[in-house]
């Protein structure tokens, strides 16, 4: 009876190892299916994102500045 309980954890770790290996094989398989952007598309998307972030930061900064000035006038 003691042997039966000892064998269960070993079987479980073997299943876990097989599960981990299977998982990474599936990840690699899925990554091969991905349609990756070309260098030009990647650069264009990156530039667009950076420009959007800069414009949004300027808008937020201006709103903060205006609201700050309004609060100074009120108080």
PDB file of N, CA and C in Angstrom:
ATOM      1  N   UNK A   1       0.823  -1.186   0.000  1.00  0.00           N
ATOM      2  CA  UNK A   1       0.000   0.000   0.000  1.00  0.00           C
ATOM      3  C   UNK A   1       0.872   1.257   0.000  1.00  0.00           C
ATOM      4  N   UNK A   2       1.982   1.232   0.699  1.00  0.00           N
ATOM      5  CA  UNK A   2       2.861   2.395   0.740  1.00  0.00           C
ATOM      6  C   UNK A   2       3.465   2.655  -0.634  1.00  0.00           C
ATOM      7  N   UNK A   3       3.750   1.588  -1.366  1.00  0.00           N
ATOM      8  CA  UNK A   3       4.317   1.764  -2.702  1.00  0.00           C
ATOM      9  C   UNK A   3       3.328   2.416  -3.656  1.00  0.00           C
ATOM     10  N   UNK A   4       2.080   2.076  -3.542  1.00  0.00           N
ATOM     11  CA  UNK A   4       1.068   2.648  -4.433  1.00  0.00           C
ATOM     12  C   UNK A   4       0.975   4.159  -4.249  1.00  0.00           C
ATOM     13  N   UNK A   5       1.056   4.619  -3.022  1.00  0.00           N
ATOM     14  CA  UNK A   5       0.962   6.059  -2.789  1.00  0.00           C
ATOM     15  C   UNK A   5       2.239   6.768  -3.217  1.00  0.00           C
ATOM     16  N   UNK A   6       3.373   6.048  -3.170  1.00  0.00           N
ATOM     17  CA  UNK A   6       4.625   6.657  -3.603  1.00  0.00           C
ATOM     18  C   UNK A   6       4.686   6.796  -5.114  1.00  0.00           C
ATOM     19  N   UNK A   7       4.072   5.913  -5.839  1.00  0.00           N
ATOM     20  CA  UNK A   7       4.131   5.950  -7.300  1.00  0.00           C
ATOM     21  C   UNK A   7       3.262   7.050  -7.896  1.00  0.00           C
ATOM     22  N   UNK A   8       2.241   7.457  -7.204  1.00  0.00           N
ATOM     23  CA  UNK A   8       1.342   8.474  -7.748  1.00  0.00           C
ATOM     24  C   UNK A   8       2.036   9.810  -8.006  1.00  0.00           C
ATOM     25  N   UNK A   9       2.835  10.343  -7.076  1.00  0.00           N
ATOM     26  CA  UNK A   9       3.504  11.618  -7.376  1.00  0.00           C
ATOM     27  C   UNK A   9       4.460  11.515  -8.559  1.00  0.00           C
ATOM     28  N   UNK A  10       5.138  10.370  -8.714  1.00  0.00           N
ATOM     29  CA  UNK A  10       6.059  10.208  -9.840  1.00  0.00           C
ATOM     30  C   UNK A  10       5.298  10.234 -11.153  1.00  0.00           C
ATOM     31  N   UNK A  11       4.168   9.554 -11.192  1.00  0.00           N
ATOM     32  CA  UNK A  11       3.366   9.546 -12.410  1.00  0.00           C
ATOM     33  C   UNK A  11       2.859  10.948 -12.720  1.00  0.00           C
ATOM     34  N   UNK A  12       2.511  11.673 -11.679  1.00  0.00           N
ATOM     35  CA  UNK A  12       2.001  13.030 -11.875  1.00  0.00           C
ATOM     36  C   UNK A  12       3.083  13.946 -12.447  1.00  0.00           C
ATOM     37  N   UNK A  13       4.314  13.839 -11.943  1.00  0.00           N
ATOM     38  CA  UNK A  13       5.382  14.698 -12.469  1.00  0.00           C
ATOM     39  C   UNK A  13       5.702  14.337 -13.910  1.00  0.00           C
ATOM     40  N   UNK A  14       5.625  13.068 -14.279  1.00  0.00           N
ATOM     41  CA  UNK A  14       5.860  12.687 -15.675  1.00  0.00           C
ATOM     42  C   UNK A  14       4.783  13.286 -16.572  1.00  0.00           C
ATOM     43  N   UNK A  15       3.534  13.253 -16.099  1.00  0.00           N
ATOM     44  CA  UNK A  15       2.449  13.854 -16.876  1.00  0.00           C
ATOM     45  C   UNK A  15       2.649  15.357 -16.998  1.00  0.00           C
ATOM     46  N   UNK A  16       3.101  15.983 -15.909  1.00  0.00           N
ATOM     47  CA  UNK A  16       3.321  17.430 -15.943  1.00  0.00           C
ATOM     48  C   UNK A  16       4.426  17.774 -16.935  1.00  0.00           C
ATOM     49  N   UNK A  17       5.492  16.969 -16.933  1.00  0.00           N
ATOM     50  CA  UNK A  17       6.591  17.235 -17.872  1.00  0.00           C
ATOM     51  C   UNK A  17       6.101  17.095 -19.307  1.00  0.00           C
ATOM     52  N   UNK A  18       5.306  16.046 -19.563  1.00  0.00           N
ATOM     53  CA  UNK A  18       4.773  15.871 -20.915  1.00  0.00           C
ATOM     54  C   UNK A  18       3.840  17.022 -21.275  1.00  0.00           C
ATOM     55  N   UNK A  19       3.089  17.482 -20.289  1.00  0.00           N
ATOM     56  CA  UNK A  19       2.176  18.598 -20.538  1.00  0.00           C
ATOM     57  C   UNK A  19       2.921  19.878 -20.862  1.00  0.00           C
ATOM     58  N   UNK A  20       4.018  20.118 -20.157  1.00  0.00           N
ATOM     59  CA  UNK A  20       4.822  21.322 -20.401  1.00  0.00           C
ATOM     60  C   UNK A  20       5.462  21.253 -21.782  1.00  0.00           C
ATOM     61  N   UNK A  21       6.002  20.093 -22.121  1.00  0.00           N
ATOM     62  CA  UNK A  21       6.621  19.922 -23.445  1.00  0.00           C
ATOM     63  C   UNK A  21       5.580  20.116 -24.535  1.00  0.00           C
ATOM     64  N   UNK A  22       4.402  19.528 -24.349  1.00  0.00           N
ATOM     65  CA  UNK A  22       3.325  19.675 -25.329  1.00  0.00           C
ATOM     66  C   UNK A  22       2.933  21.142 -25.468  1.00  0.00           C
ATOM     67  N   UNK A  23       2.854  21.831 -24.344  1.00  0.00           N
ATOM     68  CA  UNK A  23       2.483  23.249 -24.356  1.00  0.00           C
ATOM     69  C   UNK A  23       3.467  24.056 -25.209  1.00  0.00           C
ATOM     70  N   UNK A  24       4.763  23.869 -24.985  1.00  0.00           N
ATOM     71  CA  UNK A  24       5.753  24.645 -25.733  1.00  0.00           C
ATOM     72  C   UNK A  24       5.777  24.254 -27.203  1.00  0.00           C
ATOM     73  N   UNK A  25       5.520  22.998 -27.516  1.00  0.00           N
ATOM     74  CA  UNK A  25       5.426  22.599 -28.927  1.00  0.00           C
ATOM     75  C   UNK A  25       4.262  23.309 -29.599  1.00  0.00           C
ATOM     76  N   UNK A  26       3.139  23.396 -28.890  1.00  0.00           N
ATOM     77  CA  UNK A  26       1.978  24.084 -29.448  1.00  0.00           C
ATOM     78  C   UNK A  26       2.239  25.579 -29.596  1.00  0.00           C
ATOM     79  N   UNK A  27       2.967  26.162 -28.652  1.00  0.00           N
ATOM     80  CA  UNK A  27       3.311  27.587 -28.747  1.00  0.00           C
ATOM     81  C   UNK A  27       4.148  27.837 -29.996  1.00  0.00           C
ATOM     82  N   UNK A  28       5.159  27.006 -30.210  1.00  0.00           N
ATOM     83  CA  UNK A  28       6.014  27.157 -31.390  1.00  0.00           C
ATOM     84  C   UNK A  28       5.184  26.984 -32.657  1.00  0.00           C
ATOM     85  N   UNK A  29       4.295  26.002 -32.648  1.00  0.00           N
ATOM     86  CA  UNK A  29       3.438  25.765 -33.807  1.00  0.00           C
ATOM     87  C   UNK A  29       2.566  26.981 -34.108  1.00  0.00           C
ATOM     88  N   UNK A  30       1.988  27.575 -33.080  1.00  0.00           N
ATOM     89  CA  UNK A  30       1.143  28.750 -33.282  1.00  0.00           C
ATOM     90  C   UNK A  30       1.962  29.953 -33.749  1.00  0.00           C
ATOM     91  N   UNK A  31       3.174  30.112 -33.224  1.00  0.00           N
ATOM     92  CA  UNK A  31       4.013  31.240 -33.643  1.00  0.00           C
ATOM     93  C   UNK A  31       4.408  31.128 -35.112  1.00  0.00           C
ATOM     94  N   UNK A  32       4.492  29.909 -35.627  1.00  0.00           N
ATOM     95  CA  UNK A  32       4.799  29.733 -37.046  1.00  0.00           C
ATOM     96  C   UNK A  32       3.628  30.169 -37.920  1.00  0.00           C
ATOM     97  N   UNK A  33       2.417  30.133 -37.377  1.00  0.00           N
ATOM     98  CA  UNK A  33       1.226  30.511 -38.133  1.00  0.00           C
ATOM     99  C   UNK A  33       1.018  32.026 -38.170  1.00  0.00           C
ATOM    100  N   UNK A  34       1.691  32.744 -37.297  1.00  0.00           N
ATOM    101  CA  UNK A  34       1.493  34.191 -37.196  1.00  0.00           C
ATOM    102  C   UNK A  34       1.998  34.872 -38.455  1.00  0.00           C
ATOM    103  N   UNK A  35       1.232  35.835 -38.935  1.00  0.00           N
ATOM    104  CA  UNK A  35       1.686  36.618 -40.075  1.00  0.00           C
ATOM    105  C   UNK A  35       2.370  37.866 -39.510  1.00  0.00           C
ATOM    106  N   UNK A  36       3.684  37.858 -39.496  1.00  0.00           N
ATOM    107  CA  UNK A  36       4.462  38.936 -38.908  1.00  0.00           C
ATOM    108  C   UNK A  36       4.516  40.116 -39.863  1.00  0.00           C
ATOM    109  N   UNK A  37       4.518  41.346 -39.347  1.00  0.00           N
ATOM    110  CA  UNK A  37       4.573  42.522 -40.227  1.00  0.00           C
ATOM    111  C   UNK A  37       5.962  42.661 -40.855  1.00  0.00           C
ATOM    112  N   UNK A  38       5.965  43.312 -42.006  1.00  0.00           N
ATOM    113  CA  UNK A  38       7.260  43.583 -42.635  1.00  0.00           C
ATOM    114  C   UNK A  38       7.956  44.683 -41.841  1.00  0.00           C
ATOM    115  N   UNK A  39       9.219  44.892 -42.140  1.00  0.00           N
ATOM    116  CA  UNK A  39       9.984  45.922 -41.424  1.00  0.00           C
ATOM    117  C   UNK A  39       9.347  47.299 -41.635  1.00  0.00           C
ATOM    118  N   UNK A  40       8.918  47.569 -42.866  1.00  0.00           N
ATOM    119  CA  UNK A  40       8.319  48.866 -43.175  1.00  0.00           C
ATOM    120  C   UNK A  40       7.010  49.057 -42.404  1.00  0.00           C
ATOM    121  N   UNK A  41       6.171  48.021 -42.364  1.00  0.00           N
ATOM    122  CA  UNK A  41       4.908  48.111 -41.621  1.00  0.00           C
ATOM    123  C   UNK A  41       5.169  48.329 -40.134  1.00  0.00           C
ATOM    124  N   UNK A  42       6.168  47.640 -39.613  1.00  0.00           N
ATOM    125  CA  UNK A  42       6.506  47.769 -38.199  1.00  0.00           C
ATOM    126  C   UNK A  42       6.974  49.186 -37.873  1.00  0.00           C
ATOM    127  N   UNK A  43       7.817  49.736 -38.722  1.00  0.00           N
ATOM    128  CA  UNK A  43       8.320  51.097 -38.507  1.00  0.00           C
ATOM    129  C   UNK A  43       7.175  52.105 -38.594  1.00  0.00           C
ATOM    130  N   UNK A  44       6.303  51.949 -39.597  1.00  0.00           N
ATOM    131  CA  UNK A  44       5.165  52.870 -39.740  1.00  0.00           C
ATOM    132  C   UNK A  44       4.244  52.807 -38.520  1.00  0.00           C
ATOM    133  N   UNK A  45       3.965  51.616 -38.049  1.00  0.00           N
ATOM    134  CA  UNK A  45       3.091  51.470 -36.876  1.00  0.00           C
ATOM    135  C   UNK A  45       3.739  52.064 -35.633  1.00  0.00           C
ATOM    136  N   UNK A  46       5.033  51.855 -35.485  1.00  0.00           N
ATOM    137  CA  UNK A  46       5.746  52.393 -34.330  1.00  0.00           C
ATOM    138  C   UNK A  46       5.746  53.918 -34.351  1.00  0.00           C
ATOM    139  N   UNK A  47       6.015  54.487 -35.501  1.00  0.00           N
ATOM    140  CA  UNK A  47       6.016  55.950 -35.628  1.00  0.00           C
ATOM    141  C   UNK A  47       4.622  56.505 -35.346  1.00  0.00           C
ATOM    142  N   UNK A  48       3.598  55.860 -35.868  1.00  0.00           N
ATOM    143  CA  UNK A  48       2.225  56.319 -35.629  1.00  0.00           C
ATOM    144  C   UNK A  48       1.895  56.271 -34.141  1.00  0.00           C
ATOM    145  N   UNK A  49       2.300  55.213 -33.467  1.00  0.00           N
ATOM    146  CA  UNK A  49       2.029  55.091 -32.027  1.00  0.00           C
ATOM    147  C   UNK A  49       2.761  56.175 -31.243  1.00  0.00           C
ATOM    148  N   UNK A  50       4.012  56.429 -31.584  1.00  0.00           N
ATOM    149  CA  UNK A  50       4.793  57.447 -30.875  1.00  0.00           C
ATOM    150  C   UNK A  50       4.191  58.836 -31.102  1.00  0.00           C
ATOM    151  N   UNK A  51       3.795  59.135 -32.336  1.00  0.00           N
ATOM    152  CA  UNK A  51       3.175  60.435 -32.634  1.00  0.00           C
ATOM    153  C   UNK A  51       1.876  60.584 -31.854  1.00  0.00           C
ATOM    154  N   UNK A  52       1.054  59.543 -31.820  1.00  0.00           N
ATOM    155  CA  UNK A  52      -0.203  59.595 -31.072  1.00  0.00           C
ATOM    156  C   UNK A  52       0.060  59.842 -29.591  1.00  0.00           C
ATOM    157  N   UNK A  53       1.041  59.175 -29.034  1.00  0.00           N
ATOM    158  CA  UNK A  53       1.368  59.351 -27.612  1.00  0.00           C
ATOM    159  C   UNK A  53       1.816  60.784 -27.338  1.00  0.00           C
ATOM    160  N   UNK A  54       2.639  61.332 -28.212  1.00  0.00           N
ATOM    161  CA  UNK A  54       3.117  62.708 -28.026  1.00  0.00           C
ATOM    162  C   UNK A  54       1.955  63.697 -28.107  1.00  0.00           C
ATOM    163  N   UNK A  55       1.087  63.533 -29.107  1.00  0.00           N
ATOM    164  CA  UNK A  55      -0.066  64.431 -29.256  1.00  0.00           C
ATOM    165  C   UNK A  55      -0.976  64.317 -28.041  1.00  0.00           C
ATOM    166  N   UNK A  56      -1.248  63.108 -27.594  1.00  0.00           N
ATOM    167  CA  UNK A  56      -2.116  62.900 -26.434  1.00  0.00           C
ATOM    168  C   UNK A  56      -1.497  63.511 -25.183  1.00  0.00           C
ATOM    169  N   UNK A  57      -0.181  63.382 -25.022  1.00  0.00           N
ATOM    170  CA  UNK A  57       0.497  63.969 -23.861  1.00  0.00           C
ATOM    171  C   UNK A  57       0.392  65.492 -23.894  1.00  0.00           C
ATOM    172  N   UNK A  58       0.522  66.077 -25.071  1.00  0.00           N
ATOM    173  CA  UNK A  58       0.398  67.531 -25.194  1.00  0.00           C
ATOM    174  C   UNK A  58      -1.021  67.977 -24.839  1.00  0.00           C
ATOM    175  N   UNK A  59      -2.024  67.254 -25.330  1.00  0.00           N
ATOM    176  CA  UNK A  59      -3.421  67.599 -25.025  1.00  0.00           C
ATOM    177  C   UNK A  59      -3.671  67.508 -23.526  1.00  0.00           C
ATOM    178  N   UNK A  60      -3.225  66.433 -22.903  1.00  0.00           N
ATOM    179  CA  UNK A  60      -3.419  66.272 -21.456  1.00  0.00           C
ATOM    180  C   UNK A  60      -2.681  67.375 -20.702  1.00  0.00           C
ATOM    181  N   UNK A  61      -1.480  67.714 -21.137  1.00  0.00           N
ATOM    182  CA  UNK A  61      -0.720  68.784 -20.501  1.00  0.00           C
ATOM    183  C   UNK A  61      -1.416  70.126 -20.612  1.00  0.00           C
ATOM    184  N   UNK A  62      -1.975  70.417 -21.786  1.00  0.00           N
ATOM    185  CA  UNK A  62      -2.694  71.681 -21.968  1.00  0.00           C
ATOM    186  C   UNK A  62      -3.955  71.738 -21.108  1.00  0.00           C
ATOM    187  N   UNK A  63      -4.692  70.638 -21.054  1.00  0.00           N
ATOM    188  CA  UNK A  63      -5.890  70.601 -20.208  1.00  0.00           C
ATOM    189  C   UNK A  63      -5.497  70.805 -18.753  1.00  0.00           C
ATOM    190  N   UNK A  64      -4.423  70.181 -18.322  1.00  0.00           N
ATOM    191  CA  UNK A  64      -3.949  70.341 -16.948  1.00  0.00           C
ATOM    192  C   UNK A  64      -3.554  71.794 -16.682  1.00  0.00           C
ATOM    193  N   UNK A  65      -2.853  72.387 -17.617  1.00  0.00           N
ATOM    194  CA  UNK A  65      -2.430  73.782 -17.467  1.00  0.00           C
ATOM    195  C   UNK A  65      -3.639  74.718 -17.379  1.00  0.00           C
ATOM    196  N   UNK A  66      -4.594  74.526 -18.269  1.00  0.00           N
ATOM    197  CA  UNK A  66      -5.791  75.379 -18.275  1.00  0.00           C
ATOM    198  C   UNK A  66      -6.590  75.211 -16.992  1.00  0.00           C
ATOM    199  N   UNK A  67      -6.812  73.979 -16.579  1.00  0.00           N
ATOM    200  CA  UNK A  67      -7.571  73.751 -15.346  1.00  0.00           C
ATOM    201  C   UNK A  67      -6.822  74.288 -14.129  1.00  0.00           C
ATOM    202  N   UNK A  68      -5.514  74.175 -14.137  1.00  0.00           N
ATOM    203  CA  UNK A  68      -4.716  74.726 -13.040  1.00  0.00           C
ATOM    204  C   UNK A  68      -4.858  76.233 -12.953  1.00  0.00           C
ATOM    205  N   UNK A  69      -4.824  76.904 -14.100  1.00  0.00           N
ATOM    206  CA  UNK A  69      -4.984  78.366 -14.126  1.00  0.00           C
ATOM    207  C   UNK A  69      -6.388  78.776 -13.687  1.00  0.00           C
ATOM    208  N   UNK A  70      -7.397  78.011 -14.101  1.00  0.00           N
ATOM    209  CA  UNK A  70      -8.768  78.309 -13.683  1.00  0.00           C
ATOM    210  C   UNK A  70      -8.925  78.163 -12.180  1.00  0.00           C
ATOM    211  N   UNK A  71      -8.317  77.157 -11.613  1.00  0.00           N
ATOM    212  CA  UNK A  71      -8.400  76.969 -10.165  1.00  0.00           C
ATOM    213  C   UNK A  71      -7.690  78.094  -9.419  1.00  0.00           C
ATOM    214  N   UNK A  72      -6.595  78.599  -9.974  1.00  0.00           N
ATOM    215  CA  UNK A  72      -5.900  79.726  -9.338  1.00  0.00           C
ATOM    216  C   UNK A  72      -6.778  80.977  -9.356  1.00  0.00           C
ATOM    217  N   UNK A  73      -7.511  81.180 -10.445  1.00  0.00           N
ATOM    218  CA  UNK A  73      -8.399  82.340 -10.535  1.00  0.00           C
ATOM    219  C   UNK A  73      -9.554  82.237  -9.547  1.00  0.00           C
ATOM    220  N   UNK A  74     -10.058  81.033  -9.350  1.00  0.00           N
ATOM    221  CA  UNK A  74     -11.197  80.832  -8.453  1.00  0.00           C
ATOM    222  C   UNK A  74     -10.781  81.014  -7.002  1.00  0.00           C
ATOM    223  N   UNK A  75      -9.617  80.543  -6.625  1.00  0.00           N
ATOM    224  CA  UNK A  75      -9.208  80.595  -5.210  1.00  0.00           C
ATOM    225  C   UNK A  75      -8.457  81.833  -4.862  1.00  0.00           C
TER     226      UNK A  75
END
